[in-house]
Every structure is written in structure tokens, then in C-alpha cells.
Amino acid sequence: MSPAAEIERLHRADVEAARALLREAIRTAGERWLPADAIADALIEELVAYAGGLEASRRTAAYLRGVAALVERGAPMPARS
């Protein structure tokens, strides 16, 4: 396996681990009867706060623009890899 492929594999594993943690947090918030729009607002606020401290904030901003375009079109999010 090439170094680039190994890096991509490890990154995907990290992304899946982070998503699992986020799904659990979202599930817990829903069980506490927090409204979906409040959960979504909190996720966005936390993402913006987190991205603001990263050197990769331009990349995060690009991702957010892409997500906004998908939401506006009503398109489903890309399938998980």
C-alpha cells in the first residue's frame, strides 16, 4: 500500500470514529427532547468555533459552502465511503 493510500485509509478511519461520536451526541440530545433545529444550530456553531482555531479553516469553509449548496438544492448528502 502506498503511503498516500495508507494516509487516506487512516483518515477515513478517523472520520468514521468522529462521526460515531457525533451520532451518539446527536442521539443523546434527541433523547433529551431537544428540537432538531436546536441540535443543528449547535452543531454548526461548534463547527465554526472549532474551525476558527484550525489552520485548515479555508478547507472547512469550502466544505461548508458545499454543504450549503446541497441543502439549498434539497440534495441528499453524498453516500458514506
C-alpha atoms as a PDB file:
ATOM      1  CA  MET A   1       0.000   0.000   0.000  1.00  0.00           C
ATOM      2  CA  SER A   2       1.357   3.399  -0.934  1.00  0.00           C
ATOM      3  CA  PRO A   3       1.945   5.995   1.787  1.00  0.00           C
ATOM      4  CA  ALA A   4      -0.816   8.180   0.299  1.00  0.00           C
ATOM      5  CA  ALA A   5      -3.275   5.276   0.342  1.00  0.00           C
ATOM      6  CA  GLU A   6      -2.367   4.447   3.950  1.00  0.00           C
ATOM      7  CA  ILE A   7      -2.832   8.078   4.982  1.00  0.00           C
ATOM      8  CA  GLU A   8      -6.237   8.127   3.264  1.00  0.00           C
ATOM      9  CA  ARG A   9      -7.222   4.859   4.971  1.00  0.00           C
ATOM     10  CA  LEU A  10      -6.239   6.200   8.391  1.00  0.00           C
ATOM     11  CA  HIS A  11      -8.032   9.490   7.728  1.00  0.00           C
ATOM     12  CA  ARG A  12     -11.235   7.642   6.748  1.00  0.00           C
ATOM     13  CA  ALA A  13     -10.996   5.571   9.948  1.00  0.00           C
ATOM     14  CA  ASP A  14     -10.581   8.760  11.999  1.00  0.00           C
ATOM     15  CA  VAL A  15     -13.535  10.375  10.206  1.00  0.00           C
ATOM     16  CA  GLU A  16     -15.730   7.351  10.907  1.00  0.00           C
ATOM     17  CA  ALA A  17     -14.713   7.373  14.588  1.00  0.00           C
ATOM     18  CA  ALA A  18     -15.530  11.086  14.859  1.00  0.00           C
ATOM     19  CA  ARG A  19     -18.862  10.567  13.095  1.00  0.00           C
ATOM     20  CA  ALA A  20     -19.758   7.779  15.510  1.00  0.00           C
ATOM     21  CA  LEU A  21     -19.101  10.102  18.443  1.00  0.00           C
ATOM     22  CA  LEU A  22     -21.169  12.868  16.853  1.00  0.00           C
ATOM     23  CA  ARG A  23     -24.047  10.478  16.074  1.00  0.00           C
ATOM     24  CA  GLU A  24     -24.072   9.397  19.714  1.00  0.00           C
ATOM     25  CA  ALA A  25     -24.139  13.024  20.879  1.00  0.00           C
ATOM     26  CA  ILE A  26     -26.989  13.815  18.466  1.00  0.00           C
ATOM     27  CA  ARG A  27     -28.912  10.737  19.629  1.00  0.00           C
ATOM     28  CA  THR A  28     -28.439  11.777  23.263  1.00  0.00           C
ATOM     29  CA  ALA A  29     -29.632  15.323  22.521  1.00  0.00           C
ATOM     30  CA  GLY A  30     -32.720  13.914  20.778  1.00  0.00           C
ATOM     31  CA  GLU A  31     -33.461  11.657  23.739  1.00  0.00           C
ATOM     32  CA  ARG A  32     -33.459  14.779  25.908  1.00  0.00           C
ATOM     33  CA  TRP A  33     -36.182  16.176  23.638  1.00  0.00           C
ATOM     34  CA  LEU A  34     -34.059  18.943  22.207  1.00  0.00           C
ATOM     35  CA  PRO A  35     -35.567  20.108  18.905  1.00  0.00           C
ATOM     36  CA  ALA A  36     -33.768  19.100  15.715  1.00  0.00           C
ATOM     37  CA  ASP A  37     -33.237  22.720  14.671  1.00  0.00           C
ATOM     38  CA  ALA A  38     -31.553  23.454  18.016  1.00  0.00           C
ATOM     39  CA  ILE A  39     -29.288  20.435  17.562  1.00  0.00           C
ATOM     40  CA  ALA A  40     -28.400  21.529  14.010  1.00  0.00           C
ATOM     41  CA  ASP A  41     -27.721  25.107  15.155  1.00  0.00           C
ATOM     42  CA  ALA A  42     -25.471  23.825  17.946  1.00  0.00           C
ATOM     43  CA  LEU A  43     -23.551  21.580  15.543  1.00  0.00           C
ATOM     44  CA  ILE A  44     -22.989  24.478  13.155  1.00  0.00           C
ATOM     45  CA  GLU A  45     -21.893  26.823  15.942  1.00  0.00           C
ATOM     46  CA  GLU A  46     -19.468  24.237  17.305  1.00  0.00           C
ATOM     47  CA  LEU A  47     -18.068  23.513  13.844  1.00  0.00           C
ATOM     48  CA  VAL A  48     -17.494  27.209  13.205  1.00  0.00           C
ATOM     49  CA  ALA A  49     -15.858  27.658  16.634  1.00  0.00           C
ATOM     50  CA  TYR A  50     -13.674  24.584  16.067  1.00  0.00           C
ATOM     51  CA  ALA A  51     -12.703  25.566  12.520  1.00  0.00           C
ATOM     52  CA  GLY A  52     -11.784  29.068  13.632  1.00  0.00           C
ATOM     53  CA  GLY A  53      -8.838  27.656  15.569  1.00  0.00           C
ATOM     54  CA  LEU A  54      -7.582  25.455  12.754  1.00  0.00           C
ATOM     55  CA  GLU A  55      -5.038  26.211  10.097  1.00  0.00           C
ATOM     56  CA  ALA A  56      -7.353  24.331   7.724  1.00  0.00           C
ATOM     57  CA  SER A  57     -10.170  26.846   8.162  1.00  0.00           C
ATOM     58  CA  ARG A  58     -10.214  27.619   4.419  1.00  0.00           C
ATOM     59  CA  ARG A  59     -10.843  23.949   3.695  1.00  0.00           C
ATOM     60  CA  THR A  60     -13.602  23.865   6.304  1.00  0.00           C
ATOM     61  CA  ALA A  61     -15.169  26.986   4.785  1.00  0.00           C
ATOM     62  CA  ALA A  62     -15.129  25.302   1.386  1.00  0.00           C
ATOM     63  CA  TYR A  63     -16.836  22.235   2.847  1.00  0.00           C
ATOM     64  CA  LEU A  64     -19.485  24.422   4.473  1.00  0.00           C
ATOM     65  CA  ARG A  65     -20.168  26.193   1.164  1.00  0.00           C
ATOM     66  CA  GLY A  66     -20.630  22.784  -0.443  1.00  0.00           C
ATOM     67  CA  VAL A  67     -22.988  21.670   2.308  1.00  0.00           C
ATOM     68  CA  ALA A  68     -24.974  24.895   1.965  1.00  0.00           C
ATOM     69  CA  ALA A  69     -25.332  24.326  -1.777  1.00  0.00           C
ATOM     70  CA  LEU A  70     -26.582  20.768  -1.180  1.00  0.00           C
ATOM     71  CA  VAL A  71     -29.070  21.948   1.442  1.00  0.00           C
ATOM     72  CA  GLU A  72     -30.382  24.696  -0.832  1.00  0.00           C
ATOM     73  CA  ARG A  73     -30.923  22.212  -3.663  1.00  0.00           C
ATOM     74  CA  GLY A  74     -32.519  19.736  -1.303  1.00  0.00           C
ATOM     75  CA  ALA A  75     -29.997  17.171  -2.473  1.00  0.00           C
ATOM     76  CA  PRO A  76     -29.085  14.227  -0.278  1.00  0.00           C
ATOM     77  CA  MET A  77     -25.641  14.266   1.243  1.00  0.00           C
ATOM     78  CA  PRO A  78     -23.077  12.118  -0.571  1.00  0.00           C
ATOM     79  CA  ALA A  79     -23.045   8.467   0.499  1.00  0.00           C
ATOM     80  CA  ARG A  80     -20.553   7.454   3.109  1.00  0.00           C
ATOM     81  CA  SER A  81     -17.469   5.743   1.791  1.00  0.00           C
END
